């Protein structure tokens, strides 16, 4: 069974916070429920390459909305999504951890996100199954170096 790759969207696929506008040849402005998102187009190719090694799942507050907007833009199939039963908040354990833990169970998991906190790293250390956290910069998203690191990690399992 392939390890899971949990993919956040905001800050990984939908870029924000750049001081200078990114190259428009590599991004597309998309309205999601009336909110503009700058989608990183190279992310589609990168995720398609990672599908060889991982079971991809959306790990975002977008939940099932991700499959309405992203597959066509990125050339991906519809993906399963992790359902979160909490509202994002600051302080305490990261709001995604309970659902991430339940979804992953005893399986190996890599998680790419732009918003890890100490509780995420503590969770990853405590898990019996191999676990890799991949921090992304929200103005850059999923980069080629992340793909290489994820491929190397999965080969090491």
N, C-alpha and C. Protein backbone atom coordinates (compact mmCIF):
# COMPACT_ATOMS: atom_id res chain seq x y z
N UNK A 1 0.84 -1.18 0.00
CA UNK A 1 0.00 0.00 0.00
C UNK A 1 0.89 1.25 0.00
N UNK A 2 0.54 2.18 -0.86
CA UNK A 2 1.32 3.42 -0.96
C UNK A 2 1.12 4.26 0.30
N UNK A 3 2.14 5.02 0.68
CA UNK A 3 1.94 5.99 1.76
C UNK A 3 1.00 7.10 1.29
N UNK A 4 0.45 7.78 2.24
CA UNK A 4 -0.45 8.91 1.97
C UNK A 4 0.39 10.17 1.78
N UNK A 5 -0.02 11.01 0.84
CA UNK A 5 0.50 12.37 0.76
C UNK A 5 -0.67 13.31 0.98
N UNK A 6 -0.72 13.94 2.14
CA UNK A 6 -1.77 14.88 2.50
C UNK A 6 -1.36 16.26 1.99
N UNK A 7 -2.19 16.84 1.11
CA UNK A 7 -1.84 18.07 0.42
C UNK A 7 -2.76 19.21 0.87
N UNK A 8 -2.17 20.17 1.55
CA UNK A 8 -2.89 21.40 1.86
C UNK A 8 -3.05 22.19 0.55
N UNK A 9 -3.94 23.15 0.53
CA UNK A 9 -4.16 23.94 -0.69
C UNK A 9 -3.66 25.37 -0.53
N UNK A 10 -4.20 26.11 0.44
CA UNK A 10 -3.77 27.49 0.63
C UNK A 10 -2.32 27.51 1.10
N UNK A 11 -1.46 28.15 0.32
CA UNK A 11 -0.04 28.21 0.65
C UNK A 11 0.77 27.07 0.05
N UNK A 12 0.09 26.12 -0.59
CA UNK A 12 0.77 25.00 -1.27
C UNK A 12 0.44 25.03 -2.76
N UNK A 13 -0.83 25.18 -3.07
CA UNK A 13 -1.30 25.27 -4.46
C UNK A 13 -1.78 26.69 -4.74
N UNK A 14 -2.53 27.26 -3.82
CA UNK A 14 -3.00 28.65 -3.92
C UNK A 14 -1.98 29.53 -3.21
N UNK A 15 -1.28 30.33 -3.99
CA UNK A 15 -0.16 31.12 -3.46
C UNK A 15 -0.64 32.46 -2.91
N UNK A 16 0.07 32.96 -1.90
CA UNK A 16 -0.22 34.28 -1.36
C UNK A 16 0.99 34.80 -0.61
N UNK A 17 1.01 36.11 -0.40
CA UNK A 17 2.04 36.73 0.43
C UNK A 17 3.32 37.11 -0.28
N UNK A 18 3.36 37.04 -1.60
CA UNK A 18 4.59 37.41 -2.32
C UNK A 18 4.74 38.93 -2.34
N UNK A 19 5.98 39.39 -2.19
CA UNK A 19 6.23 40.83 -2.28
C UNK A 19 6.05 41.31 -3.72
N UNK A 20 6.48 40.48 -4.67
CA UNK A 20 6.32 40.79 -6.09
C UNK A 20 5.37 39.78 -6.70
N UNK A 21 4.56 40.20 -7.65
CA UNK A 21 3.64 39.25 -8.26
C UNK A 21 4.39 38.11 -8.95
N UNK A 22 3.91 36.88 -8.80
CA UNK A 22 4.56 35.75 -9.46
C UNK A 22 4.37 35.84 -10.97
N UNK A 23 5.19 35.12 -11.69
CA UNK A 23 5.12 35.07 -13.15
C UNK A 23 3.75 34.55 -13.57
N UNK A 24 3.01 35.35 -14.32
CA UNK A 24 1.65 34.98 -14.73
C UNK A 24 1.64 33.78 -15.66
N UNK A 25 2.77 33.45 -16.28
CA UNK A 25 2.83 32.27 -17.14
C UNK A 25 2.69 30.99 -16.33
N UNK A 26 2.94 31.06 -15.01
CA UNK A 26 2.92 29.88 -14.17
C UNK A 26 1.80 29.89 -13.14
N UNK A 27 0.90 30.87 -13.24
CA UNK A 27 -0.20 30.97 -12.28
C UNK A 27 -1.49 31.29 -13.02
N UNK A 28 -2.61 31.02 -12.36
CA UNK A 28 -3.92 31.36 -12.90
C UNK A 28 -4.78 31.87 -11.76
N UNK A 29 -5.40 33.01 -11.96
CA UNK A 29 -6.31 33.56 -10.96
C UNK A 29 -7.65 32.85 -11.10
N UNK A 30 -8.11 32.26 -10.03
CA UNK A 30 -9.36 31.50 -10.04
C UNK A 30 -10.24 31.97 -8.88
N UNK A 31 -11.51 32.20 -9.17
CA UNK A 31 -12.45 32.55 -8.10
C UNK A 31 -13.00 31.27 -7.48
N UNK A 32 -12.86 31.16 -6.18
CA UNK A 32 -13.38 30.02 -5.43
C UNK A 32 -14.38 30.58 -4.44
N UNK A 33 -15.64 30.30 -4.68
CA UNK A 33 -16.71 30.86 -3.87
C UNK A 33 -16.59 32.38 -3.77
N UNK A 34 -16.22 33.01 -4.88
CA UNK A 34 -16.10 34.46 -4.95
C UNK A 34 -14.82 35.03 -4.40
N UNK A 35 -13.93 34.17 -3.89
CA UNK A 35 -12.66 34.63 -3.33
C UNK A 35 -11.55 34.33 -4.35
N UNK A 36 -10.73 35.34 -4.72
CA UNK A 36 -9.67 35.08 -5.69
C UNK A 36 -8.52 34.25 -5.09
N UNK A 37 -8.09 33.26 -5.86
CA UNK A 37 -6.95 32.42 -5.49
C UNK A 37 -5.99 32.39 -6.65
N UNK A 38 -4.70 32.55 -6.36
CA UNK A 38 -3.66 32.49 -7.37
C UNK A 38 -3.11 31.07 -7.40
N UNK A 39 -3.54 30.29 -8.37
CA UNK A 39 -3.20 28.87 -8.44
C UNK A 39 -1.86 28.68 -9.14
N UNK A 40 -0.97 27.95 -8.51
CA UNK A 40 0.33 27.61 -9.09
C UNK A 40 0.14 26.45 -10.07
N UNK A 41 0.29 26.73 -11.34
CA UNK A 41 0.05 25.71 -12.36
C UNK A 41 1.09 24.58 -12.37
N UNK A 42 2.39 24.84 -12.10
CA UNK A 42 3.35 23.72 -12.06
C UNK A 42 3.04 22.68 -10.99
N UNK A 43 2.21 23.04 -10.02
CA UNK A 43 1.85 22.10 -8.97
C UNK A 43 1.16 20.87 -9.55
N UNK A 44 0.38 21.04 -10.60
CA UNK A 44 -0.32 19.91 -11.21
C UNK A 44 0.65 18.84 -11.68
N UNK A 45 1.66 19.22 -12.43
CA UNK A 45 2.66 18.26 -12.90
C UNK A 45 3.39 17.61 -11.73
N UNK A 46 3.73 18.40 -10.73
CA UNK A 46 4.46 17.87 -9.57
C UNK A 46 3.61 16.85 -8.82
N UNK A 47 2.34 17.13 -8.63
CA UNK A 47 1.47 16.18 -7.93
C UNK A 47 1.22 14.94 -8.78
N UNK A 48 1.09 15.10 -10.08
CA UNK A 48 0.91 13.91 -10.95
C UNK A 48 2.13 13.00 -10.85
N UNK A 49 3.32 13.56 -10.78
CA UNK A 49 4.52 12.73 -10.63
C UNK A 49 4.55 12.02 -9.28
N UNK A 50 4.06 12.70 -8.25
CA UNK A 50 4.06 12.10 -6.92
C UNK A 50 3.01 11.00 -6.78
N UNK A 51 2.00 10.99 -7.64
CA UNK A 51 0.97 9.94 -7.62
C UNK A 51 1.58 8.55 -7.83
N UNK A 52 2.73 8.49 -8.47
CA UNK A 52 3.40 7.20 -8.69
C UNK A 52 3.79 6.57 -7.35
N UNK A 53 4.09 7.40 -6.37
CA UNK A 53 4.61 6.94 -5.09
C UNK A 53 3.62 7.01 -3.94
N UNK A 54 2.61 7.88 -4.07
CA UNK A 54 1.73 8.20 -2.94
C UNK A 54 0.26 8.08 -3.33
N UNK A 55 -0.58 7.87 -2.32
CA UNK A 55 -2.02 8.09 -2.45
C UNK A 55 -2.25 9.54 -2.04
N UNK A 56 -2.63 10.38 -3.00
CA UNK A 56 -2.83 11.79 -2.73
C UNK A 56 -4.20 12.03 -2.11
N UNK A 57 -4.25 12.90 -1.11
CA UNK A 57 -5.51 13.31 -0.49
C UNK A 57 -5.44 14.81 -0.20
N UNK A 58 -6.58 15.47 -0.34
CA UNK A 58 -6.65 16.87 0.03
C UNK A 58 -6.70 16.97 1.55
N UNK A 59 -5.87 17.83 2.11
CA UNK A 59 -5.84 18.07 3.57
C UNK A 59 -5.99 19.56 3.79
N UNK A 60 -7.19 20.05 3.50
CA UNK A 60 -7.44 21.49 3.48
C UNK A 60 -8.85 21.78 3.98
N UNK A 61 -9.02 22.97 4.49
CA UNK A 61 -10.35 23.43 4.85
C UNK A 61 -11.27 23.52 3.65
N UNK A 62 -10.72 23.43 2.44
CA UNK A 62 -11.56 23.39 1.24
C UNK A 62 -12.40 22.12 1.21
N UNK A 63 -11.91 21.06 1.82
CA UNK A 63 -12.55 19.74 1.84
C UNK A 63 -13.05 19.35 0.44
N UNK A 64 -14.34 19.03 0.29
CA UNK A 64 -14.83 18.54 -1.01
C UNK A 64 -14.86 19.60 -2.10
N UNK A 65 -14.76 20.89 -1.74
CA UNK A 65 -14.69 21.94 -2.76
C UNK A 65 -13.45 21.81 -3.63
N UNK A 66 -12.39 21.20 -3.09
CA UNK A 66 -11.16 21.05 -3.86
C UNK A 66 -11.42 20.31 -5.17
N UNK A 67 -12.24 19.29 -5.13
CA UNK A 67 -12.51 18.51 -6.35
C UNK A 67 -13.40 19.25 -7.34
N UNK A 68 -14.08 20.27 -6.91
CA UNK A 68 -14.89 21.07 -7.82
C UNK A 68 -14.01 22.01 -8.64
N UNK A 69 -12.93 22.53 -8.03
CA UNK A 69 -12.10 23.55 -8.66
C UNK A 69 -10.76 23.06 -9.21
N UNK A 70 -10.08 22.17 -8.52
CA UNK A 70 -8.67 21.92 -8.83
C UNK A 70 -8.36 20.85 -9.87
N UNK A 71 -9.08 19.73 -9.95
CA UNK A 71 -8.67 18.71 -10.92
C UNK A 71 -8.54 19.23 -12.35
N UNK A 72 -9.51 19.98 -12.81
CA UNK A 72 -9.44 20.49 -14.19
C UNK A 72 -8.29 21.48 -14.36
N UNK A 73 -8.09 22.36 -13.38
CA UNK A 73 -7.01 23.34 -13.46
C UNK A 73 -5.63 22.69 -13.46
N UNK A 74 -5.47 21.61 -12.68
CA UNK A 74 -4.16 21.02 -12.48
C UNK A 74 -3.95 19.71 -13.24
N UNK A 75 -4.98 19.23 -13.94
CA UNK A 75 -4.83 17.97 -14.67
C UNK A 75 -4.75 16.78 -13.75
N UNK A 76 -5.49 16.83 -12.67
CA UNK A 76 -5.50 15.75 -11.67
C UNK A 76 -6.86 15.06 -11.67
N UNK A 77 -6.90 13.81 -11.21
CA UNK A 77 -8.20 13.20 -10.97
C UNK A 77 -8.80 13.79 -9.69
N UNK A 78 -10.07 13.53 -9.47
CA UNK A 78 -10.64 13.88 -8.17
C UNK A 78 -9.92 13.06 -7.11
N UNK A 79 -9.66 13.68 -5.97
CA UNK A 79 -8.93 13.03 -4.88
C UNK A 79 -9.83 12.92 -3.66
N UNK A 80 -9.58 11.91 -2.82
CA UNK A 80 -10.29 11.90 -1.54
C UNK A 80 -9.86 13.12 -0.72
N UNK A 81 -10.68 13.49 0.23
CA UNK A 81 -10.32 14.61 1.11
C UNK A 81 -10.52 14.20 2.56
N UNK A 82 -9.74 14.81 3.40
CA UNK A 82 -9.87 14.61 4.84
C UNK A 82 -10.93 15.59 5.33
N UNK A 83 -11.89 15.09 6.08
CA UNK A 83 -12.94 15.94 6.65
C UNK A 83 -12.50 16.42 8.02
N UNK A 84 -12.62 17.71 8.22
CA UNK A 84 -12.25 18.32 9.50
C UNK A 84 -13.52 18.75 10.22
N UNK A 85 -13.64 18.34 11.47
CA UNK A 85 -14.84 18.66 12.22
C UNK A 85 -14.61 19.81 13.19
N UNK A 86 -13.55 20.56 12.96
CA UNK A 86 -13.25 21.70 13.83
C UNK A 86 -13.06 22.94 12.97
N UNK A 87 -13.21 24.08 13.59
CA UNK A 87 -12.97 25.35 12.92
C UNK A 87 -11.52 25.73 13.13
N UNK A 88 -10.82 26.18 12.07
CA UNK A 88 -9.43 26.60 12.26
C UNK A 88 -9.31 27.62 13.39
N UNK A 89 -8.27 27.45 14.20
CA UNK A 89 -8.08 28.36 15.33
C UNK A 89 -6.60 28.47 15.66
N UNK A 90 -6.25 29.43 16.46
CA UNK A 90 -4.88 29.60 16.92
C UNK A 90 -4.75 29.06 18.34
N UNK A 91 -3.55 28.60 18.68
CA UNK A 91 -3.28 28.11 20.02
C UNK A 91 -3.64 26.64 20.16
N UNK A 92 -2.99 25.95 21.06
CA UNK A 92 -3.24 24.53 21.27
C UNK A 92 -2.75 23.70 20.10
N UNK A 93 -3.24 22.49 20.01
CA UNK A 93 -2.84 21.61 18.93
C UNK A 93 -3.38 22.14 17.60
N UNK A 94 -2.64 21.90 16.57
CA UNK A 94 -3.05 22.31 15.23
C UNK A 94 -4.44 21.77 14.93
N UNK A 95 -5.28 22.57 14.32
CA UNK A 95 -6.69 22.20 14.10
C UNK A 95 -6.87 21.00 13.20
N UNK A 96 -5.87 20.63 12.41
CA UNK A 96 -6.00 19.49 11.50
C UNK A 96 -5.57 18.16 12.12
N UNK A 97 -4.89 18.18 13.25
CA UNK A 97 -4.24 16.97 13.75
C UNK A 97 -5.18 15.80 14.05
N UNK A 98 -6.29 16.05 14.68
CA UNK A 98 -7.20 14.95 15.02
C UNK A 98 -7.66 14.21 13.78
N UNK A 99 -8.09 14.95 12.77
CA UNK A 99 -8.57 14.33 11.54
C UNK A 99 -7.43 13.68 10.76
N UNK A 100 -6.26 14.30 10.77
CA UNK A 100 -5.09 13.73 10.07
C UNK A 100 -4.74 12.38 10.70
N UNK A 101 -4.72 12.34 12.02
CA UNK A 101 -4.38 11.11 12.73
C UNK A 101 -5.40 10.01 12.45
N UNK A 102 -6.68 10.35 12.48
CA UNK A 102 -7.72 9.37 12.22
C UNK A 102 -7.64 8.86 10.78
N UNK A 103 -7.38 9.75 9.83
CA UNK A 103 -7.32 9.35 8.43
C UNK A 103 -6.11 8.45 8.18
N UNK A 104 -4.96 8.81 8.71
CA UNK A 104 -3.73 8.06 8.45
C UNK A 104 -3.71 6.72 9.15
N UNK A 105 -4.29 6.64 10.34
CA UNK A 105 -4.25 5.38 11.08
C UNK A 105 -2.82 4.92 11.28
N UNK A 106 -2.53 3.70 10.85
CA UNK A 106 -1.19 3.13 11.01
C UNK A 106 -0.35 3.25 9.74
N UNK A 107 -0.85 3.98 8.75
CA UNK A 107 -0.14 4.11 7.48
C UNK A 107 0.93 5.19 7.53
N UNK A 108 1.94 5.02 6.69
CA UNK A 108 2.94 6.07 6.50
C UNK A 108 2.26 7.27 5.84
N UNK A 109 2.67 8.46 6.26
CA UNK A 109 2.07 9.67 5.71
C UNK A 109 3.11 10.77 5.60
N UNK A 110 3.05 11.49 4.50
CA UNK A 110 3.77 12.75 4.34
C UNK A 110 2.70 13.83 4.22
N UNK A 111 2.98 14.99 4.77
CA UNK A 111 1.99 16.07 4.81
C UNK A 111 2.69 17.35 4.41
N UNK A 112 2.21 17.99 3.33
CA UNK A 112 2.76 19.28 2.92
C UNK A 112 1.76 20.37 3.27
N UNK A 113 2.27 21.39 3.98
CA UNK A 113 1.41 22.47 4.49
C UNK A 113 2.29 23.69 4.70
N UNK A 114 1.67 24.85 4.72
CA UNK A 114 2.41 26.08 4.97
C UNK A 114 2.24 26.57 6.40
N UNK A 115 1.58 25.78 7.25
CA UNK A 115 1.21 26.30 8.57
C UNK A 115 1.40 25.26 9.68
N UNK A 116 2.56 24.64 9.73
CA UNK A 116 2.83 23.71 10.82
C UNK A 116 3.17 24.48 12.09
N UNK A 117 2.83 23.89 13.23
CA UNK A 117 3.26 24.44 14.51
C UNK A 117 3.95 23.33 15.30
N UNK A 118 4.37 23.62 16.51
CA UNK A 118 5.10 22.63 17.31
C UNK A 118 4.29 21.36 17.53
N UNK A 119 2.98 21.48 17.68
CA UNK A 119 2.17 20.29 17.92
C UNK A 119 2.21 19.33 16.72
N UNK A 120 2.37 19.86 15.54
CA UNK A 120 2.47 19.00 14.34
C UNK A 120 3.75 18.17 14.39
N UNK A 121 4.85 18.83 14.73
CA UNK A 121 6.13 18.12 14.80
C UNK A 121 6.13 17.10 15.94
N UNK A 122 5.50 17.44 17.04
CA UNK A 122 5.39 16.49 18.16
C UNK A 122 4.56 15.28 17.74
N UNK A 123 3.46 15.51 17.03
CA UNK A 123 2.62 14.43 16.52
C UNK A 123 3.41 13.52 15.60
N UNK A 124 4.16 14.12 14.68
CA UNK A 124 4.95 13.33 13.73
C UNK A 124 5.99 12.47 14.45
N UNK A 125 6.60 13.02 15.48
CA UNK A 125 7.60 12.26 16.25
C UNK A 125 6.98 11.10 17.02
N UNK A 126 5.77 11.28 17.51
CA UNK A 126 5.11 10.25 18.32
C UNK A 126 4.54 9.11 17.49
N UNK A 127 4.25 9.35 16.22
CA UNK A 127 3.61 8.31 15.40
C UNK A 127 4.52 7.12 15.22
N UNK A 128 3.94 5.94 15.31
CA UNK A 128 4.71 4.70 15.08
C UNK A 128 5.01 4.52 13.60
N UNK A 129 4.10 4.94 12.73
CA UNK A 129 4.29 4.81 11.29
C UNK A 129 5.18 5.95 10.79
N UNK A 130 5.93 5.71 9.72
CA UNK A 130 6.77 6.78 9.17
C UNK A 130 5.92 8.01 8.83
N UNK A 131 6.44 9.17 9.23
CA UNK A 131 5.72 10.43 9.06
C UNK A 131 6.70 11.52 8.67
N UNK A 132 6.35 12.25 7.62
CA UNK A 132 7.20 13.34 7.14
C UNK A 132 6.35 14.59 7.01
N UNK A 133 6.80 15.67 7.64
CA UNK A 133 6.16 16.97 7.46
C UNK A 133 7.00 17.78 6.48
N UNK A 134 6.35 18.36 5.48
CA UNK A 134 7.03 19.12 4.44
C UNK A 134 6.51 20.55 4.49
N UNK A 135 7.28 21.46 5.09
CA UNK A 135 6.82 22.85 5.18
C UNK A 135 6.98 23.57 3.83
N UNK A 136 5.93 24.30 3.45
CA UNK A 136 5.96 25.10 2.23
C UNK A 136 5.91 26.58 2.58
N UNK A 137 6.50 27.38 1.74
CA UNK A 137 6.40 28.84 1.87
C UNK A 137 5.16 29.26 1.07
N UNK A 138 4.23 30.01 1.67
CA UNK A 138 2.96 30.29 1.00
C UNK A 138 3.07 31.09 -0.29
N UNK A 139 4.16 31.81 -0.49
CA UNK A 139 4.31 32.55 -1.74
C UNK A 139 4.97 31.71 -2.83
N UNK A 140 5.47 30.51 -2.46
CA UNK A 140 6.12 29.61 -3.42
C UNK A 140 5.36 28.31 -3.64
N UNK A 141 4.73 27.81 -2.59
CA UNK A 141 3.96 26.57 -2.69
C UNK A 141 4.83 25.34 -2.86
N UNK A 142 4.26 24.32 -3.51
CA UNK A 142 4.94 23.05 -3.75
C UNK A 142 6.00 23.26 -4.81
N UNK A 143 7.26 23.12 -4.42
CA UNK A 143 8.38 23.35 -5.33
C UNK A 143 9.01 22.04 -5.76
N UNK A 144 9.85 22.13 -6.76
CA UNK A 144 10.54 20.95 -7.28
C UNK A 144 11.39 20.28 -6.20
N UNK A 145 12.00 21.06 -5.32
CA UNK A 145 12.81 20.48 -4.23
C UNK A 145 11.94 19.63 -3.30
N UNK A 146 10.70 20.04 -3.08
CA UNK A 146 9.78 19.23 -2.26
C UNK A 146 9.54 17.88 -2.92
N UNK A 147 9.34 17.89 -4.24
CA UNK A 147 9.09 16.65 -4.97
C UNK A 147 10.27 15.70 -4.78
N UNK A 148 11.48 16.22 -4.95
CA UNK A 148 12.67 15.39 -4.76
C UNK A 148 12.78 14.83 -3.36
N UNK A 149 12.49 15.65 -2.37
CA UNK A 149 12.55 15.19 -0.98
C UNK A 149 11.50 14.13 -0.71
N UNK A 150 10.30 14.31 -1.24
CA UNK A 150 9.24 13.32 -1.05
C UNK A 150 9.57 12.00 -1.74
N UNK A 151 10.11 12.07 -2.95
CA UNK A 151 10.51 10.85 -3.66
C UNK A 151 11.61 10.12 -2.90
N UNK A 152 12.59 10.85 -2.39
CA UNK A 152 13.67 10.22 -1.62
C UNK A 152 13.14 9.59 -0.35
N UNK A 153 12.22 10.26 0.33
CA UNK A 153 11.65 9.73 1.57
C UNK A 153 10.90 8.44 1.32
N UNK A 154 10.05 8.42 0.29
CA UNK A 154 9.25 7.22 0.03
C UNK A 154 10.15 6.06 -0.39
N UNK A 155 11.23 6.32 -1.10
CA UNK A 155 12.17 5.25 -1.49
C UNK A 155 12.89 4.70 -0.26
N UNK A 156 13.02 5.51 0.78
CA UNK A 156 13.75 5.07 1.98
C UNK A 156 12.89 4.18 2.89
N UNK A 157 11.60 4.11 2.61
CA UNK A 157 10.70 3.32 3.48
C UNK A 157 10.90 1.82 3.28
